[in-house]
Amino acid sequence: QVQVVESGGGLVQPGGSLRLSCTASGSIFSALVKGWYRQAPGQQREVVAVIAGDGIIKYVDSVKGRFTISRDNAKNTLYLQMDSLKPEDTAVYYCKFGSTWGQGTQVTVSL
């Protein structure tokens, strides 16, 4: 039984936008810390944005002002709005609830 489902990745031109979604079962979504991570080819997985139970949000410097993490508790869904995308944002993006990972979704930024 799939408990975490990601969606929203795809191919976009530089300067474009995408919104990633990650829906989890209630017990998983209830994790205090939720976040988005990414892994580019040949590189280590890195944190992109995290949101804590008290609402405190942190972003990696490279996405500040361009990406926005949010959550809809009624829908058990975590979002990542990505604007002004750059080629260097190309990666597989993963959501994470506590210690549970999503399956990943590919984001490619290219002409």
Foldseek 3Di string as FASTA:
>chain_A
DDFKDKDWADEAAQQAKIKIKIAGPLVQLPFQKKFKWWDAPPGDIDTAKMAGNVGDIDGDPVQPPFWDWDDDNVRRMIMIIGGRDDQVVFTWMWMHRNHDIDPTDTHGYHD
